[in-house]
Amino acid sequence: MTETQSIPLQPKLNRLFRLQYEEAQKTHVLLYPEGMVKLNQSASEILQLCDGTRTVDQIVKALEAKFGVSNLSADVSAMLEESTRRNWLE
């Protein structure tokens, strides 16, 4: 059985991580003292909105507006749950 982690109400990147665009790899990465995580476009779009001021609903709405789609709530929540589990968010 896996333990579920609750997503912070206003998720923000854990201060141990830094999100930045890596020109050499043409993608965003999460840098941390022990290494680096290469992110896909969806993950980087979500994490860029995790600034501690937006709620999960606001993040979903912003992404839906940016990409002209709807029903992103489940996908965004799944990414945020995994990010919380990996301690990327606080």
C-alpha atoms as a PDB file:
ATOM      1  CA  MET A   1       0.000   0.000   0.000  1.00  0.00           C
ATOM      2  CA  THR A   2       1.383   3.422  -0.928  1.00  0.00           C
ATOM      3  CA  GLU A   3       1.112   6.399   1.346  1.00  0.00           C
ATOM      4  CA  THR A   4      -0.652   9.376  -0.183  1.00  0.00           C
ATOM      5  CA  GLN A   5       0.714  12.823   0.467  1.00  0.00           C
ATOM      6  CA  SER A   6      -1.513  15.810   0.724  1.00  0.00           C
ATOM      7  CA  ILE A   7      -0.778  18.570  -1.777  1.00  0.00           C
ATOM      8  CA  PRO A   8      -0.035  21.913  -0.109  1.00  0.00           C
ATOM      9  CA  LEU A   9      -2.915  24.414  -0.423  1.00  0.00           C
ATOM     10  CA  GLN A  10      -0.609  26.880  -2.193  1.00  0.00           C
ATOM     11  CA  PRO A  11       2.262  24.733  -3.432  1.00  0.00           C
ATOM     12  CA  LYS A  12       5.706  26.216  -3.851  1.00  0.00           C
ATOM     13  CA  LEU A  13       9.024  24.750  -4.805  1.00  0.00           C
ATOM     14  CA  ASN A  14      11.010  23.383  -1.898  1.00  0.00           C
ATOM     15  CA  ARG A  15      13.886  25.787  -1.193  1.00  0.00           C
ATOM     16  CA  LEU A  16      16.367  22.917  -1.659  1.00  0.00           C
ATOM     17  CA  PHE A  17      15.454  22.816  -5.374  1.00  0.00           C
ATOM     18  CA  ARG A  18      15.918  25.329  -8.152  1.00  0.00           C
ATOM     19  CA  LEU A  19      13.874  25.237 -11.358  1.00  0.00           C
ATOM     20  CA  GLN A  20      15.716  26.550 -14.378  1.00  0.00           C
ATOM     21  CA  TYR A  21      15.827  26.228 -18.139  1.00  0.00           C
ATOM     22  CA  GLU A  22      18.844  24.252 -19.291  1.00  0.00           C
ATOM     23  CA  GLU A  23      19.787  25.469 -22.770  1.00  0.00           C
ATOM     24  CA  ALA A  24      22.106  22.513 -23.440  1.00  0.00           C
ATOM     25  CA  GLN A  25      19.219  20.092 -22.891  1.00  0.00           C
ATOM     26  CA  LYS A  26      16.491  22.407 -24.263  1.00  0.00           C
ATOM     27  CA  THR A  27      14.299  21.707 -21.252  1.00  0.00           C
ATOM     28  CA  HIS A  28      13.632  22.773 -17.668  1.00  0.00           C
ATOM     29  CA  VAL A  29      15.429  20.947 -14.902  1.00  0.00           C
ATOM     30  CA  LEU A  30      15.217  20.825 -11.122  1.00  0.00           C
ATOM     31  CA  LEU A  31      18.621  21.320  -9.573  1.00  0.00           C
ATOM     32  CA  TYR A  32      19.375  20.151  -6.049  1.00  0.00           C
ATOM     33  CA  PRO A  33      22.543  19.495  -4.034  1.00  0.00           C
ATOM     34  CA  GLU A  34      22.757  15.814  -5.033  1.00  0.00           C
ATOM     35  CA  GLY A  35      21.959  16.236  -8.720  1.00  0.00           C
ATOM     36  CA  MET A  36      19.425  17.212 -11.330  1.00  0.00           C
ATOM     37  CA  VAL A  37      15.994  16.072 -12.528  1.00  0.00           C
ATOM     38  CA  LYS A  38      15.162  16.607 -16.199  1.00  0.00           C
ATOM     39  CA  LEU A  39      11.497  17.613 -16.546  1.00  0.00           C
ATOM     40  CA  ASN A  40       9.099  17.134 -19.423  1.00  0.00           C
ATOM     41  CA  GLN A  41       7.141  20.148 -20.685  1.00  0.00           C
ATOM     42  CA  SER A  42       4.010  19.363 -18.670  1.00  0.00           C
ATOM     43  CA  ALA A  43       5.912  19.040 -15.396  1.00  0.00           C
ATOM     44  CA  SER A  44       7.869  22.234 -15.991  1.00  0.00           C
ATOM     45  CA  GLU A  45       4.705  24.204 -16.881  1.00  0.00           C
ATOM     46  CA  ILE A  46       3.055  23.040 -13.648  1.00  0.00           C
ATOM     47  CA  LEU A  47       6.077  23.634 -11.420  1.00  0.00           C
ATOM     48  CA  GLN A  48       6.627  27.134 -12.825  1.00  0.00           C
ATOM     49  CA  LEU A  49       3.219  28.065 -11.400  1.00  0.00           C
ATOM     50  CA  CYS A  50       4.020  26.681  -7.939  1.00  0.00           C
ATOM     51  CA  ASP A  51       5.104  29.961  -6.369  1.00  0.00           C
ATOM     52  CA  GLY A  52       3.274  29.746  -3.044  1.00  0.00           C
ATOM     53  CA  THR A  53       0.651  32.317  -4.055  1.00  0.00           C
ATOM     54  CA  ARG A  54      -1.628  30.195  -6.272  1.00  0.00           C
ATOM     55  CA  THR A  55      -3.996  27.482  -5.140  1.00  0.00           C
ATOM     56  CA  VAL A  56      -4.180  24.188  -7.034  1.00  0.00           C
ATOM     57  CA  ASP A  57      -7.435  25.367  -8.669  1.00  0.00           C
ATOM     58  CA  GLN A  58      -5.734  28.566  -9.824  1.00  0.00           C
ATOM     59  CA  ILE A  59      -2.835  26.569 -11.274  1.00  0.00           C
ATOM     60  CA  VAL A  60      -5.275  24.342 -13.169  1.00  0.00           C
ATOM     61  CA  LYS A  61      -7.220  27.341 -14.492  1.00  0.00           C
ATOM     62  CA  ALA A  62      -4.018  29.098 -15.602  1.00  0.00           C
ATOM     63  CA  LEU A  63      -2.836  26.014 -17.509  1.00  0.00           C
ATOM     64  CA  GLU A  64      -6.246  25.440 -19.099  1.00  0.00           C
ATOM     65  CA  ALA A  65      -6.324  29.081 -20.264  1.00  0.00           C
ATOM     66  CA  LYS A  66      -2.733  29.006 -21.532  1.00  0.00           C
ATOM     67  CA  PHE A  67      -3.220  25.859 -23.610  1.00  0.00           C
ATOM     68  CA  GLY A  68      -6.893  26.280 -24.501  1.00  0.00           C
ATOM     69  CA  VAL A  69      -7.953  22.957 -23.006  1.00  0.00           C
ATOM     70  CA  SER A  70     -10.177  21.803 -20.162  1.00  0.00           C
ATOM     71  CA  ASN A  71     -10.312  18.976 -17.626  1.00  0.00           C
ATOM     72  CA  LEU A  72      -6.663  19.208 -16.538  1.00  0.00           C
ATOM     73  CA  SER A  73      -7.472  18.927 -12.840  1.00  0.00           C
ATOM     74  CA  ALA A  74      -6.731  15.189 -12.483  1.00  0.00           C
ATOM     75  CA  ASP A  75      -3.435  15.403 -14.404  1.00  0.00           C
ATOM     76  CA  VAL A  76      -2.240  18.479 -12.522  1.00  0.00           C
ATOM     77  CA  SER A  77      -3.230  16.942  -9.178  1.00  0.00           C
ATOM     78  CA  ALA A  78      -1.371  13.729 -10.024  1.00  0.00           C
ATOM     79  CA  MET A  79       1.768  15.703 -10.886  1.00  0.00           C
ATOM     80  CA  LEU A  80       1.498  17.785  -7.722  1.00  0.00           C
ATOM     81  CA  GLU A  81       0.989  14.652  -5.597  1.00  0.00           C
ATOM     82  CA  GLU A  82       4.095  13.060  -7.105  1.00  0.00           C
ATOM     83  CA  SER A  83       6.060  16.290  -6.669  1.00  0.00           C
ATOM     84  CA  THR A  84       4.990  16.443  -3.029  1.00  0.00           C
ATOM     85  CA  ARG A  85       5.936  12.792  -2.527  1.00  0.00           C
ATOM     86  CA  ARG A  86       9.384  13.527  -3.968  1.00  0.00           C
ATOM     87  CA  ASN A  87       9.707  16.543  -1.635  1.00  0.00           C
ATOM     88  CA  TRP A  88       9.943  18.986  -4.568  1.00  0.00           C
ATOM     89  CA  LEU A  89       7.084  21.035  -3.088  1.00  0.00           C
ATOM     90  CA  GLU A  90       6.332  22.473   0.299  1.00  0.00           C
END
